[in-house]
Amino acid sequence: MEEFEVKILEIDKKEIEERLISLGAERVFEGEIHAFFFDFKDSSIKKAKDLVRLRRVGQRSFLAFKKFVESEEVKVRQELEVEVSDLETTKLILESLGLVSWLFTRKRRLSYKLNHVHFEFDKYLDHYEFVPLFLEVEAQNLEEIYKYVELLGFKKEDCQPWTILELANYYS
């Protein structure tokens, strides 16, 4: 499945949340997310701009592979994801296959869903705590992203296709 996402920076959470609720969005998650990012010692996954991520969302854990798709407007990935029953055992399996965890992140997330579009208020903790709260919008195509971004009062120019590392670089 392809996912399209953008980040909108320097937001007024209360105002956006009120707009989402008035549009009929449903709150679907609030809590912490812990994520481990894996690569081989030769960094071949990162060099391809791909991603292997193991994360805990609340009490559930997921393993994902995200394949980079070239796009300048939004972040596009072909995503394969499965729920796993045991985060620690899955981490050991990945390490046994020669993968190493090169990054660990924690963030607080508040998620809303409207139709098939996800709206995430994310605030990183620990090492990336200096990055201010931002909104991530994820949809199944570019047109859908821009439609909902405009409904929230933003423009295309407000949308960034950045990864966490690009976001951290912007604020450092």
Foldseek 3Di string as FASTA:
>chain_A
DKKWKWKFADDDVVLLVVLCVVLPWDWDAWFKKKKFWKDAPVRPCVVQVKTWMWMDGPNWIKTKTWGFDDDQQAGMTDMDMDTDDDRVVVQVVCVVVRMDGPDMWMWTWTWIDDDQKIKIFIQTDDPQNLQDTIIMIMHDDDVVRQVVCVSSPHHSVSTHRDDSVVSSVVRD
